[in-house]
């Protein structure tokens, strides 16, 4: 662990989010993949140290749940910071593919039959 990660834990979550308790957007779930935008937009302001930690982890696509674990922060705090980065154009969001709403009756029958054999 490097010094930046250890120092980050000393900051209270409400300080990381500017006192906000709710995200400004509904773009993120636990399995949403996030990737840092490279290069950053020209108009982008210099991010806070905590935002830089997120951007480093997101050099490769990373899920929201993984980010929270790596940063040792709650998911809600990470999502609020991700909203800041998304609005600044510093990350791209890759939402999971939607799950079909129609039931696969053949699959449900196989599951029922399998459970019946238990």
PDB file of N, CA and C in Angstrom:
ATOM      1  N   UNK A   1       0.854  -1.169   0.000  1.00  0.00           N
ATOM      2  CA  UNK A   1       0.000   0.000   0.000  1.00  0.00           C
ATOM      3  C   UNK A   1       0.896   1.227   0.000  1.00  0.00           C
ATOM      4  N   UNK A   2       0.556   2.211  -0.834  1.00  0.00           N
ATOM      5  CA  UNK A   2       1.375   3.413  -0.864  1.00  0.00           C
ATOM      6  C   UNK A   2       0.829   4.442   0.109  1.00  0.00           C
ATOM      7  N   UNK A   3       1.574   5.506   0.359  1.00  0.00           N
ATOM      8  CA  UNK A   3       1.196   6.526   1.326  1.00  0.00           C
ATOM      9  C   UNK A   3      -0.082   7.243   0.972  1.00  0.00           C
ATOM     10  N   UNK A   4      -0.383   7.394  -0.321  1.00  0.00           N
ATOM     11  CA  UNK A   4      -1.604   8.083  -0.735  1.00  0.00           C
ATOM     12  C   UNK A   4      -2.848   7.341  -0.295  1.00  0.00           C
ATOM     13  N   UNK A   5      -2.808   5.994  -0.358  1.00  0.00           N
ATOM     14  CA  UNK A   5      -3.960   5.215   0.065  1.00  0.00           C
ATOM     15  C   UNK A   5      -4.168   5.301   1.570  1.00  0.00           C
ATOM     16  N   UNK A   6      -3.079   5.239   2.334  1.00  0.00           N
ATOM     17  CA  UNK A   6      -3.198   5.306   3.786  1.00  0.00           C
ATOM     18  C   UNK A   6      -3.700   6.674   4.223  1.00  0.00           C
ATOM     19  N   UNK A   7      -3.220   7.722   3.593  1.00  0.00           N
ATOM     20  CA  UNK A   7      -3.643   9.074   3.957  1.00  0.00           C
ATOM     21  C   UNK A   7      -5.107   9.304   3.612  1.00  0.00           C
ATOM     22  N   UNK A   8      -5.595   8.664   2.559  1.00  0.00           N
ATOM     23  CA  UNK A   8      -6.974   8.847   2.146  1.00  0.00           C
ATOM     24  C   UNK A   8      -7.970   8.391   3.186  1.00  0.00           C
ATOM     25  N   UNK A   9      -7.624   7.393   3.990  1.00  0.00           N
ATOM     26  CA  UNK A   9      -8.544   6.881   4.998  1.00  0.00           C
ATOM     27  C   UNK A   9      -8.724   7.829   6.170  1.00  0.00           C
ATOM     28  N   UNK A  10      -7.840   8.813   6.316  1.00  0.00           N
ATOM     29  CA  UNK A  10      -7.944   9.745   7.422  1.00  0.00           C
ATOM     30  C   UNK A  10      -8.993  10.813   7.163  1.00  0.00           C
ATOM     31  N   UNK A  11      -9.447  10.931   5.941  1.00  0.00           N
ATOM     32  CA  UNK A  11     -10.433  11.937   5.577  1.00  0.00           C
ATOM     33  C   UNK A  11     -11.825  11.355   5.792  1.00  0.00           C
ATOM     34  N   UNK A  12     -12.686  12.094   6.481  1.00  0.00           N
ATOM     35  CA  UNK A  12     -14.056  11.646   6.736  1.00  0.00           C
ATOM     36  C   UNK A  12     -14.850  11.603   5.442  1.00  0.00           C
ATOM     37  N   UNK A  13     -15.753  10.626   5.296  1.00  0.00           N
ATOM     38  CA  UNK A  13     -16.540  10.524   4.061  1.00  0.00           C
ATOM     39  C   UNK A  13     -17.303  11.794   3.707  1.00  0.00           C
ATOM     40  N   UNK A  14     -17.861  12.503   4.691  1.00  0.00           N
ATOM     41  CA  UNK A  14     -18.616  13.712   4.357  1.00  0.00           C
ATOM     42  C   UNK A  14     -17.712  14.787   3.776  1.00  0.00           C
ATOM     43  N   UNK A  15     -16.422  14.754   4.123  1.00  0.00           N
ATOM     44  CA  UNK A  15     -15.486  15.708   3.535  1.00  0.00           C
ATOM     45  C   UNK A  15     -15.188  15.340   2.081  1.00  0.00           C
ATOM     46  N   UNK A  16     -15.142  14.048   1.790  1.00  0.00           N
ATOM     47  CA  UNK A  16     -14.876  13.607   0.415  1.00  0.00           C
ATOM     48  C   UNK A  16     -16.015  13.988  -0.527  1.00  0.00           C
ATOM     49  N   UNK A  17     -17.224  14.020   0.005  1.00  0.00           N
ATOM     50  CA  UNK A  17     -18.402  14.283  -0.833  1.00  0.00           C
ATOM     51  C   UNK A  17     -18.899  15.711  -0.707  1.00  0.00           C
ATOM     52  N   UNK A  18     -18.188  16.543   0.023  1.00  0.00           N
ATOM     53  CA  UNK A  18     -18.630  17.920   0.219  1.00  0.00           C
ATOM     54  C   UNK A  18     -19.927  17.987   1.012  1.00  0.00           C
ATOM     55  N   UNK A  19     -20.156  17.018   1.879  1.00  0.00           N
ATOM     56  CA  UNK A  19     -21.361  16.984   2.698  1.00  0.00           C
ATOM     57  C   UNK A  19     -22.572  16.374   2.010  1.00  0.00           C
ATOM     58  N   UNK A  20     -22.419  16.004   0.732  1.00  0.00           N
ATOM     59  CA  UNK A  20     -23.550  15.402   0.006  1.00  0.00           C
ATOM     60  C   UNK A  20     -23.765  13.969   0.461  1.00  0.00           C
ATOM     61  N   UNK A  21     -25.027  13.581   0.547  1.00  0.00           N
ATOM     62  CA  UNK A  21     -25.351  12.216   0.965  1.00  0.00           C
ATOM     63  C   UNK A  21     -26.001  11.407  -0.147  1.00  0.00           C
ATOM     64  N   UNK A  22     -26.338  12.060  -1.245  1.00  0.00           N
ATOM     65  CA  UNK A  22     -26.979  11.378  -2.373  1.00  0.00           C
ATOM     66  C   UNK A  22     -26.245  11.740  -3.668  1.00  0.00           C
ATOM     67  N   UNK A  23     -26.142  10.761  -4.570  1.00  0.00           N
ATOM     68  CA  UNK A  23     -25.504  11.056  -5.867  1.00  0.00           C
ATOM     69  C   UNK A  23     -26.377  11.999  -6.690  1.00  0.00           C
ATOM     70  N   UNK A  24     -25.743  12.743  -7.569  1.00  0.00           N
ATOM     71  CA  UNK A  24     -26.466  13.680  -8.430  1.00  0.00           C
ATOM     72  C   UNK A  24     -27.055  12.989  -9.652  1.00  0.00           C
ATOM     73  N   UNK A  25     -26.686  11.736  -9.862  1.00  0.00           N
ATOM     74  CA  UNK A  25     -27.147  10.981 -11.029  1.00  0.00           C
ATOM     75  C   UNK A  25     -27.458   9.558 -10.615  1.00  0.00           C
ATOM     76  N   UNK A  26     -28.178   8.856 -11.475  1.00  0.00           N
ATOM     77  CA  UNK A  26     -28.525   7.452 -11.203  1.00  0.00           C
ATOM     78  C   UNK A  26     -27.826   6.529 -12.196  1.00  0.00           C
ATOM     79  N   UNK A  27     -26.598   6.854 -12.569  1.00  0.00           N
ATOM     80  CA  UNK A  27     -25.866   6.100 -13.587  1.00  0.00           C
ATOM     81  C   UNK A  27     -25.171   4.849 -13.055  1.00  0.00           C
ATOM     82  N   UNK A  28     -25.068   4.706 -11.749  1.00  0.00           N
ATOM     83  CA  UNK A  28     -24.174   3.697 -11.195  1.00  0.00           C
ATOM     84  C   UNK A  28     -24.892   2.613 -10.397  1.00  0.00           C
ATOM     85  N   UNK A  29     -24.516   1.362 -10.678  1.00  0.00           N
ATOM     86  CA  UNK A  29     -24.892   0.219  -9.862  1.00  0.00           C
ATOM     87  C   UNK A  29     -23.592  -0.425  -9.399  1.00  0.00           C
ATOM     88  N   UNK A  30     -23.670  -1.458  -8.600  1.00  0.00           N
ATOM     89  CA  UNK A  30     -22.454  -2.129  -8.133  1.00  0.00           C
ATOM     90  C   UNK A  30     -21.632  -2.704  -9.276  1.00  0.00           C
ATOM     91  N   UNK A  31     -22.302  -3.117 -10.359  1.00  0.00           N
ATOM     92  CA  UNK A  31     -21.583  -3.773 -11.455  1.00  0.00           C
ATOM     93  C   UNK A  31     -21.316  -2.851 -12.638  1.00  0.00           C
ATOM     94  N   UNK A  32     -21.644  -1.576 -12.504  1.00  0.00           N
ATOM     95  CA  UNK A  32     -21.325  -0.617 -13.563  1.00  0.00           C
ATOM     96  C   UNK A  32     -19.814  -0.523 -13.700  1.00  0.00           C
ATOM     97  N   UNK A  33     -19.328  -0.601 -14.928  1.00  0.00           N
ATOM     98  CA  UNK A  33     -17.891  -0.501 -15.186  1.00  0.00           C
ATOM     99  C   UNK A  33     -17.542   0.956 -15.486  1.00  0.00           C
ATOM    100  N   UNK A  34     -16.422   1.398 -14.933  1.00  0.00           N
ATOM    101  CA  UNK A  34     -15.987   2.784 -15.059  1.00  0.00           C
ATOM    102  C   UNK A  34     -14.568   2.780 -15.612  1.00  0.00           C
ATOM    103  N   UNK A  35     -14.290   3.686 -16.564  1.00  0.00           N
ATOM    104  CA  UNK A  35     -12.966   3.813 -17.151  1.00  0.00           C
ATOM    105  C   UNK A  35     -12.584   5.286 -17.197  1.00  0.00           C
ATOM    106  N   UNK A  36     -11.340   5.586 -16.829  1.00  0.00           N
ATOM    107  CA  UNK A  36     -10.852   6.959 -16.897  1.00  0.00           C
ATOM    108  C   UNK A  36     -10.735   7.383 -18.359  1.00  0.00           C
ATOM    109  N   UNK A  37     -11.090   8.632 -18.631  1.00  0.00           N
ATOM    110  CA  UNK A  37     -10.971   9.192 -19.973  1.00  0.00           C
ATOM    111  C   UNK A  37      -9.535   9.662 -20.150  1.00  0.00           C
ATOM    112  N   UNK A  38      -8.906   9.206 -21.226  1.00  0.00           N
ATOM    113  CA  UNK A  38      -7.518   9.572 -21.477  1.00  0.00           C
ATOM    114  C   UNK A  38      -7.391  10.067 -22.901  1.00  0.00           C
ATOM    115  N   UNK A  39      -6.923  11.258 -23.134  1.00  0.00           N
ATOM    116  CA  UNK A  39      -6.518  12.253 -22.146  1.00  0.00           C
ATOM    117  C   UNK A  39      -7.739  12.955 -21.568  1.00  0.00           C
ATOM    118  N   UNK A  40      -7.561  13.580 -20.399  1.00  0.00           N
ATOM    119  CA  UNK A  40      -8.699  14.288 -19.802  1.00  0.00           C
ATOM    120  C   UNK A  40      -9.121  15.467 -20.666  1.00  0.00           C
ATOM    121  N   UNK A  41     -10.364  15.893 -20.561  1.00  0.00           N
ATOM    122  CA  UNK A  41     -10.816  17.059 -21.330  1.00  0.00           C
ATOM    123  C   UNK A  41      -9.952  18.277 -21.015  1.00  0.00           C
ATOM    124  N   UNK A  42      -9.729  19.115 -22.007  1.00  0.00           N
ATOM    125  CA  UNK A  42      -8.876  20.298 -21.811  1.00  0.00           C
ATOM    126  C   UNK A  42      -9.426  21.222 -20.744  1.00  0.00           C
ATOM    127  N   UNK A  43     -10.732  21.316 -20.649  1.00  0.00           N
ATOM    128  CA  UNK A  43     -11.356  22.236 -19.706  1.00  0.00           C
ATOM    129  C   UNK A  43     -11.402  21.685 -18.285  1.00  0.00           C
ATOM    130  N   UNK A  44     -10.974  20.449 -18.091  1.00  0.00           N
ATOM    131  CA  UNK A  44     -11.105  19.802 -16.787  1.00  0.00           C
ATOM    132  C   UNK A  44     -10.212  20.464 -15.747  1.00  0.00           C
ATOM    133  N   UNK A  45     -10.813  20.744 -14.595  1.00  0.00           N
ATOM    134  CA  UNK A  45     -10.056  21.277 -13.466  1.00  0.00           C
ATOM    135  C   UNK A  45      -9.251  20.151 -12.833  1.00  0.00           C
ATOM    136  N   UNK A  46      -8.231  20.522 -12.112  1.00  0.00           N
ATOM    137  CA  UNK A  46      -7.406  19.518 -11.417  1.00  0.00           C
ATOM    138  C   UNK A  46      -8.256  18.836 -10.352  1.00  0.00           C
ATOM    139  N   UNK A  47      -8.354  17.498 -10.416  1.00  0.00           N
ATOM    140  CA  UNK A  47      -9.189  16.782  -9.450  1.00  0.00           C
ATOM    141  C   UNK A  47      -8.557  16.751  -8.054  1.00  0.00           C
ATOM    142  N   UNK A  48      -9.393  16.510  -7.068  1.00  0.00           N
ATOM    143  CA  UNK A  48      -8.948  16.340  -5.686  1.00  0.00           C
ATOM    144  C   UNK A  48      -8.154  15.035  -5.580  1.00  0.00           C
ATOM    145  N   UNK A  49      -7.335  14.873  -4.529  1.00  0.00           N
ATOM    146  CA  UNK A  49      -6.537  13.637  -4.384  1.00  0.00           C
ATOM    147  C   UNK A  49      -7.384  12.359  -4.410  1.00  0.00           C
ATOM    148  N   UNK A  50      -8.552  12.409  -3.813  1.00  0.00           N
ATOM    149  CA  UNK A  50      -9.396  11.215  -3.793  1.00  0.00           C
ATOM    150  C   UNK A  50      -9.902  10.879  -5.190  1.00  0.00           C
ATOM    151  N   UNK A  51     -10.206  11.911  -5.968  1.00  0.00           N
ATOM    152  CA  UNK A  51     -10.621  11.687  -7.348  1.00  0.00           C
ATOM    153  C   UNK A  51      -9.465  11.114  -8.167  1.00  0.00           C
ATOM    154  N   UNK A  52      -8.258  11.570  -7.892  1.00  0.00           N
ATOM    155  CA  UNK A  52      -7.090  11.025  -8.593  1.00  0.00           C
ATOM    156  C   UNK A  52      -6.898   9.546  -8.275  1.00  0.00           C
ATOM    157  N   UNK A  53      -7.160   9.151  -7.043  1.00  0.00           N
ATOM    158  CA  UNK A  53      -7.066   7.729  -6.680  1.00  0.00           C
ATOM    159  C   UNK A  53      -8.049   6.916  -7.510  1.00  0.00           C
ATOM    160  N   UNK A  54      -9.265   7.430  -7.666  1.00  0.00           N
ATOM    161  CA  UNK A  54     -10.269   6.729  -8.479  1.00  0.00           C
ATOM    162  C   UNK A  54      -9.788   6.645  -9.916  1.00  0.00           C
ATOM    163  N   UNK A  55      -9.286   7.741 -10.464  1.00  0.00           N
ATOM    164  CA  UNK A  55      -8.827   7.747 -11.854  1.00  0.00           C
ATOM    165  C   UNK A  55      -7.686   6.758 -12.071  1.00  0.00           C
ATOM    166  N   UNK A  56      -6.795   6.624 -11.102  1.00  0.00           N
ATOM    167  CA  UNK A  56      -5.702   5.645 -11.229  1.00  0.00           C
ATOM    168  C   UNK A  56      -6.258   4.223 -11.290  1.00  0.00           C
ATOM    169  N   UNK A  57      -7.228   3.906 -10.426  1.00  0.00           N
ATOM    170  CA  UNK A  57      -7.808   2.570 -10.440  1.00  0.00           C
ATOM    171  C   UNK A  57      -8.578   2.313 -11.726  1.00  0.00           C
ATOM    172  N   UNK A  58      -9.101   3.389 -12.323  1.00  0.00           N
ATOM    173  CA  UNK A  58      -9.940   3.240 -13.518  1.00  0.00           C
ATOM    174  C   UNK A  58      -9.152   3.334 -14.819  1.00  0.00           C
ATOM    175  N   UNK A  59      -7.843   3.214 -14.762  1.00  0.00           N
ATOM    176  CA  UNK A  59      -7.061   3.186 -15.996  1.00  0.00           C
ATOM    177  C   UNK A  59      -7.534   2.018 -16.863  1.00  0.00           C
ATOM    178  N   UNK A  60      -7.956   0.959 -16.222  1.00  0.00           N
ATOM    179  CA  UNK A  60      -8.594  -0.195 -16.869  1.00  0.00           C
ATOM    180  C   UNK A  60     -10.035  -0.223 -16.364  1.00  0.00           C
ATOM    181  N   UNK A  61     -10.974  -0.771 -17.138  1.00  0.00           N
ATOM    182  CA  UNK A  61     -12.360  -0.826 -16.666  1.00  0.00           C
ATOM    183  C   UNK A  61     -12.454  -1.505 -15.300  1.00  0.00           C
ATOM    184  N   UNK A  62     -13.142  -0.843 -14.385  1.00  0.00           N
ATOM    185  CA  UNK A  62     -13.269  -1.312 -13.013  1.00  0.00           C
ATOM    186  C   UNK A  62     -14.710  -1.126 -12.560  1.00  0.00           C
ATOM    187  N   UNK A  63     -15.256  -2.090 -11.848  1.00  0.00           N
ATOM    188  CA  UNK A  63     -16.631  -1.966 -11.372  1.00  0.00           C
ATOM    189  C   UNK A  63     -16.686  -1.048 -10.149  1.00  0.00           C
ATOM    190  N   UNK A  64     -17.861  -0.506  -9.909  1.00  0.00           N
ATOM    191  CA  UNK A  64     -18.078   0.361  -8.753  1.00  0.00           C
ATOM    192  C   UNK A  64     -17.766  -0.406  -7.468  1.00  0.00           C
ATOM    193  N   UNK A  65     -18.198  -1.651  -7.378  1.00  0.00           N
ATOM    194  CA  UNK A  65     -17.941  -2.452  -6.183  1.00  0.00           C
ATOM    195  C   UNK A  65     -16.442  -2.646  -5.955  1.00  0.00           C
ATOM    196  N   UNK A  66     -15.697  -2.918  -7.028  1.00  0.00           N
ATOM    197  CA  UNK A  66     -14.249  -3.075  -6.904  1.00  0.00           C
ATOM    198  C   UNK A  66     -13.594  -1.783  -6.437  1.00  0.00           C
ATOM    199  N   UNK A  67     -14.035  -0.658  -6.995  1.00  0.00           N
ATOM    200  CA  UNK A  67     -13.471   0.630  -6.587  1.00  0.00           C
ATOM    201  C   UNK A  67     -13.669   0.861  -5.098  1.00  0.00           C
ATOM    202  N   UNK A  68     -14.878   0.625  -4.610  1.00  0.00           N
ATOM    203  CA  UNK A  68     -15.157   0.831  -3.194  1.00  0.00           C
ATOM    204  C   UNK A  68     -14.248  -0.049  -2.335  1.00  0.00           C
ATOM    205  N   UNK A  69     -14.048  -1.291  -2.756  1.00  0.00           N
ATOM    206  CA  UNK A  69     -13.179  -2.199  -2.002  1.00  0.00           C
ATOM    207  C   UNK A  69     -11.730  -1.731  -2.040  1.00  0.00           C
ATOM    208  N   UNK A  70     -11.225  -1.369  -3.211  1.00  0.00           N
ATOM    209  CA  UNK A  70      -9.839  -0.917  -3.342  1.00  0.00           C
ATOM    210  C   UNK A  70      -9.582   0.360  -2.553  1.00  0.00           C
ATOM    211  N   UNK A  71     -10.557   1.246  -2.540  1.00  0.00           N
ATOM    212  CA  UNK A  71     -10.385   2.537  -1.876  1.00  0.00           C
ATOM    213  C   UNK A  71     -10.750   2.489  -0.395  1.00  0.00           C
ATOM    214  N   UNK A  72     -11.308   1.361   0.048  1.00  0.00           N
ATOM    215  CA  UNK A  72     -11.742   1.192   1.436  1.00  0.00           C
ATOM    216  C   UNK A  72     -12.738   2.289   1.829  1.00  0.00           C
ATOM    217  N   UNK A  73     -13.701   2.525   0.926  1.00  0.00           N
ATOM    218  CA  UNK A  73     -14.754   3.519   1.137  1.00  0.00           C
ATOM    219  C   UNK A  73     -16.103   2.864   0.888  1.00  0.00           C
ATOM    220  N   UNK A  74     -17.160   3.454   1.426  1.00  0.00           N
ATOM    221  CA  UNK A  74     -18.491   2.921   1.166  1.00  0.00           C
ATOM    222  C   UNK A  74     -18.868   3.165  -0.293  1.00  0.00           C
ATOM    223  N   UNK A  75     -19.719   2.305  -0.803  1.00  0.00           N
ATOM    224  CA  UNK A  75     -20.166   2.436  -2.190  1.00  0.00           C
ATOM    225  C   UNK A  75     -20.842   3.786  -2.400  1.00  0.00           C
ATOM    226  N   UNK A  76     -21.634   4.238  -1.437  1.00  0.00           N
ATOM    227  CA  UNK A  76     -22.350   5.508  -1.612  1.00  0.00           C
ATOM    228  C   UNK A  76     -21.384   6.678  -1.760  1.00  0.00           C
ATOM    229  N   UNK A  77     -20.297   6.691  -1.018  1.00  0.00           N
ATOM    230  CA  UNK A  77     -19.299   7.753  -1.140  1.00  0.00           C
ATOM    231  C   UNK A  77     -18.623   7.674  -2.504  1.00  0.00           C
ATOM    232  N   UNK A  78     -18.257   6.477  -2.920  1.00  0.00           N
ATOM    233  CA  UNK A  78     -17.601   6.299  -4.221  1.00  0.00           C
ATOM    234  C   UNK A  78     -18.534   6.749  -5.347  1.00  0.00           C
ATOM    235  N   UNK A  79     -19.808   6.413  -5.267  1.00  0.00           N
ATOM    236  CA  UNK A  79     -20.757   6.805  -6.317  1.00  0.00           C
ATOM    237  C   UNK A  79     -20.871   8.331  -6.401  1.00  0.00           C
ATOM    238  N   UNK A  80     -20.904   9.010  -5.279  1.00  0.00           N
ATOM    239  CA  UNK A  80     -20.978  10.476  -5.301  1.00  0.00           C
ATOM    240  C   UNK A  80     -19.732  11.053  -5.973  1.00  0.00           C
ATOM    241  N   UNK A  81     -18.560  10.499  -5.657  1.00  0.00           N
ATOM    242  CA  UNK A  81     -17.331  10.987  -6.298  1.00  0.00           C
ATOM    243  C   UNK A  81     -17.308  10.629  -7.784  1.00  0.00           C
ATOM    244  N   UNK A  82     -17.842   9.463  -8.154  1.00  0.00           N
ATOM    245  CA  UNK A  82     -17.919   9.094  -9.569  1.00  0.00           C
ATOM    246  C   UNK A  82     -18.838  10.049 -10.330  1.00  0.00           C
ATOM    247  N   UNK A  83     -19.917  10.487  -9.698  1.00  0.00           N
ATOM    248  CA  UNK A  83     -20.798  11.473 -10.339  1.00  0.00           C
ATOM    249  C   UNK A  83     -20.022  12.745 -10.658  1.00  0.00           C
ATOM    250  N   UNK A  84     -19.189  13.191  -9.712  1.00  0.00           N
ATOM    251  CA  UNK A  84     -18.367  14.380  -9.949  1.00  0.00           C
ATOM    252  C   UNK A  84     -17.466  14.174 -11.162  1.00  0.00           C
ATOM    253  N   UNK A  85     -16.811  13.021 -11.217  1.00  0.00           N
ATOM    254  CA  UNK A  85     -15.887  12.740 -12.322  1.00  0.00           C
ATOM    255  C   UNK A  85     -16.616  12.599 -13.649  1.00  0.00           C
ATOM    256  N   UNK A  86     -17.800  11.994 -13.636  1.00  0.00           N
ATOM    257  CA  UNK A  86     -18.571  11.849 -14.865  1.00  0.00           C
ATOM    258  C   UNK A  86     -19.009  13.212 -15.387  1.00  0.00           C
ATOM    259  N   UNK A  87     -19.489  14.063 -14.491  1.00  0.00           N
ATOM    260  CA  UNK A  87     -19.930  15.400 -14.892  1.00  0.00           C
ATOM    261  C   UNK A  87     -18.774  16.258 -15.382  1.00  0.00           C
ATOM    262  N   UNK A  88     -17.548  15.978 -14.905  1.00  0.00           N
ATOM    263  CA  UNK A  88     -16.363  16.704 -15.361  1.00  0.00           C
ATOM    264  C   UNK A  88     -15.782  16.108 -16.642  1.00  0.00           C
ATOM    265  N   UNK A  89     -16.357  15.003 -17.129  1.00  0.00           N
ATOM    266  CA  UNK A  89     -15.863  14.367 -18.342  1.00  0.00           C
ATOM    267  C   UNK A  89     -14.592  13.566 -18.135  1.00  0.00           C
ATOM    268  N   UNK A  90     -14.301  13.169 -16.899  1.00  0.00           N
ATOM    269  CA  UNK A  90     -13.061  12.456 -16.593  1.00  0.00           C
ATOM    270  C   UNK A  90     -13.188  10.943 -16.650  1.00  0.00           C
ATOM    271  N   UNK A  91     -14.424  10.415 -16.666  1.00  0.00           N
ATOM    272  CA  UNK A  91     -14.630   8.969 -16.743  1.00  0.00           C
ATOM    273  C   UNK A  91     -15.711   8.667 -17.765  1.00  0.00           C
ATOM    274  N   UNK A  92     -15.683   7.445 -18.248  1.00  0.00           N
ATOM    275  CA  UNK A  92     -16.797   6.946 -19.062  1.00  0.00           C
ATOM    276  C   UNK A  92     -17.428   5.790 -18.294  1.00  0.00           C
ATOM    277  N   UNK A  93     -18.726   5.621 -18.503  1.00  0.00           N
ATOM    278  CA  UNK A  93     -19.504   4.625 -17.775  1.00  0.00           C
ATOM    279  C   UNK A  93     -19.995   3.578 -18.764  1.00  0.00           C
ATOM    280  N   UNK A  94     -19.832   2.330 -18.400  1.00  0.00           N
ATOM    281  CA  UNK A  94     -20.259   1.210 -19.230  1.00  0.00           C
ATOM    282  C   UNK A  94     -21.291   0.429 -18.437  1.00  0.00           C
ATOM    283  N   UNK A  95     -22.543   0.666 -18.747  1.00  0.00           N
ATOM    284  CA  UNK A  95     -23.626   0.012 -18.013  1.00  0.00           C
ATOM    285  C   UNK A  95     -23.729  -1.451 -18.434  1.00  0.00           C
ATOM    286  N   UNK A  96     -24.127  -2.311 -17.488  1.00  0.00           N
ATOM    287  CA  UNK A  96     -24.285  -3.722 -17.851  1.00  0.00           C
ATOM    288  C   UNK A  96     -25.413  -3.888 -18.859  1.00  0.00           C
ATOM    289  N   UNK A  97     -25.308  -4.922 -19.663  1.00  0.00           N
ATOM    290  CA  UNK A  97     -26.354  -5.213 -20.641  1.00  0.00           C
ATOM    291  C   UNK A  97     -27.646  -5.525 -19.899  1.00  0.00           C
ATOM    292  N   UNK A  98     -28.767  -5.014 -20.399  1.00  0.00           N
ATOM    293  CA  UNK A  98     -30.032  -5.282 -19.708  1.00  0.00           C
ATOM    294  C   UNK A  98     -30.366  -6.770 -19.752  1.00  0.00           C
ATOM    295  N   UNK A  99     -30.964  -7.223 -18.681  1.00  0.00           N
ATOM    296  CA  UNK A  99     -31.392  -8.613 -18.579  1.00  0.00           C
ATOM    297  C   UNK A  99     -32.778  -8.712 -19.205  1.00  0.00           C
ATOM    298  N   UNK A 100     -32.986  -9.763 -19.936  1.00  0.00           N
ATOM    299  CA  UNK A 100     -34.277  -9.954 -20.585  1.00  0.00           C
ATOM    300  C   UNK A 100     -35.375 -10.060 -19.543  1.00  0.00           C
ATOM    301  N   UNK A 101     -36.488  -9.403 -19.792  1.00  0.00           N
ATOM    302  CA  UNK A 101     -37.628  -9.436 -18.872  1.00  0.00           C
ATOM    303  C   UNK A 101     -38.541 -10.643 -19.139  1.00  0.00           C
ATOM    304  N   UNK A 102     -38.304 -11.326 -20.245  1.00  0.00           N
ATOM    305  CA  UNK A 102     -39.144 -12.480 -20.557  1.00  0.00           C
ATOM    306  C   UNK A 102     -38.523 -13.733 -19.952  1.00  0.00           C
ATOM    307  N   UNK A 103     -39.355 -14.562 -19.362  1.00  0.00           N
ATOM    308  CA  UNK A 103     -38.884 -15.786 -18.726  1.00  0.00           C
ATOM    309  C   UNK A 103     -38.578 -16.835 -19.784  1.00  0.00           C
ATOM    310  N   UNK A 104     -37.480 -17.527 -19.596  1.00  0.00           N
ATOM    311  CA  UNK A 104     -37.141 -18.659 -20.444  1.00  0.00           C
ATOM    312  C   UNK A 104     -37.810 -19.880 -19.814  1.00  0.00           C
ATOM    313  N   UNK A 105     -38.967 -20.262 -20.344  1.00  0.00           N
ATOM    314  CA  UNK A 105     -39.755 -21.334 -19.729  1.00  0.00           C
ATOM    315  C   UNK A 105     -39.012 -22.663 -19.698  1.00  0.00           C
ATOM    316  N   UNK A 106     -38.224 -22.952 -20.724  1.00  0.00           N
ATOM    317  CA  UNK A 106     -37.466 -24.206 -20.744  1.00  0.00           C
ATOM    318  C   UNK A 106     -36.445 -24.223 -19.607  1.00  0.00           C
ATOM    319  N   UNK A 107     -35.775 -23.091 -19.393  1.00  0.00           N
ATOM    320  CA  UNK A 107     -34.790 -23.011 -18.312  1.00  0.00           C
ATOM    321  C   UNK A 107     -35.480 -23.127 -16.956  1.00  0.00           C
ATOM    322  N   UNK A 108     -36.603 -22.463 -16.783  1.00  0.00           N
ATOM    323  CA  UNK A 108     -37.336 -22.550 -15.519  1.00  0.00           C
ATOM    324  C   UNK A 108     -37.798 -23.980 -15.248  1.00  0.00           C
ATOM    325  N   UNK A 109     -38.203 -24.680 -16.282  1.00  0.00           N
ATOM    326  CA  UNK A 109     -38.629 -26.080 -16.133  1.00  0.00           C
ATOM    327  C   UNK A 109     -37.444 -26.939 -15.683  1.00  0.00           C
ATOM    328  N   UNK A 110     -36.264 -26.718 -16.279  1.00  0.00           N
ATOM    329  CA  UNK A 110     -35.080 -27.483 -15.890  1.00  0.00           C
ATOM    330  C   UNK A 110     -34.700 -27.199 -14.441  1.00  0.00           C
ATOM    331  N   UNK A 111     -34.797 -25.952 -14.029  1.00  0.00           N
ATOM    332  CA  UNK A 111     -34.495 -25.598 -12.639  1.00  0.00           C
ATOM    333  C   UNK A 111     -35.480 -26.292 -11.709  1.00  0.00           C
ATOM    334  N   UNK A 112     -36.757 -26.221 -12.035  1.00  0.00           N
ATOM    335  CA  UNK A 112     -37.789 -26.875 -11.208  1.00  0.00           C
ATOM    336  C   UNK A 112     -37.527 -28.374 -11.116  1.00  0.00           C
ATOM    337  N   UNK A 113     -37.231 -29.004 -12.243  1.00  0.00           N
ATOM    338  CA  UNK A 113     -36.973 -30.442 -12.252  1.00  0.00           C
ATOM    339  C   UNK A 113     -35.731 -30.769 -11.411  1.00  0.00           C
ATOM    340  N   UNK A 114     -34.693 -29.939 -11.548  1.00  0.00           N
ATOM    341  CA  UNK A 114     -33.472 -30.156 -10.757  1.00  0.00           C
ATOM    342  C   UNK A 114     -33.726 -30.011  -9.269  1.00  0.00           C
ATOM    343  N   UNK A 115     -34.482 -29.011  -8.904  1.00  0.00           N
ATOM    344  CA  UNK A 115     -34.812 -28.829  -7.483  1.00  0.00           C
ATOM    345  C   UNK A 115     -35.673 -29.982  -6.973  1.00  0.00           C
ATOM    346  N   UNK A 116     -36.545 -30.504  -7.835  1.00  0.00           N
ATOM    347  CA  UNK A 116     -37.366 -31.641  -7.437  1.00  0.00           C
ATOM    348  C   UNK A 116     -36.547 -32.893  -7.168  1.00  0.00           C
ATOM    349  N   UNK A 117     -35.426 -33.038  -7.856  1.00  0.00           N
ATOM    350  CA  UNK A 117     -34.556 -34.210  -7.658  1.00  0.00           C
ATOM    351  C   UNK A 117     -33.721 -34.098  -6.388  1.00  0.00           C
ATOM    352  N   UNK A 118     -33.638 -32.940  -5.785  1.00  0.00           N
ATOM    353  CA  UNK A 118     -32.821 -32.768  -4.568  1.00  0.00           C
ATOM    354  C   UNK A 118     -33.450 -33.411  -3.428  1.00  0.00           C
TER     355      UNK A 118
END
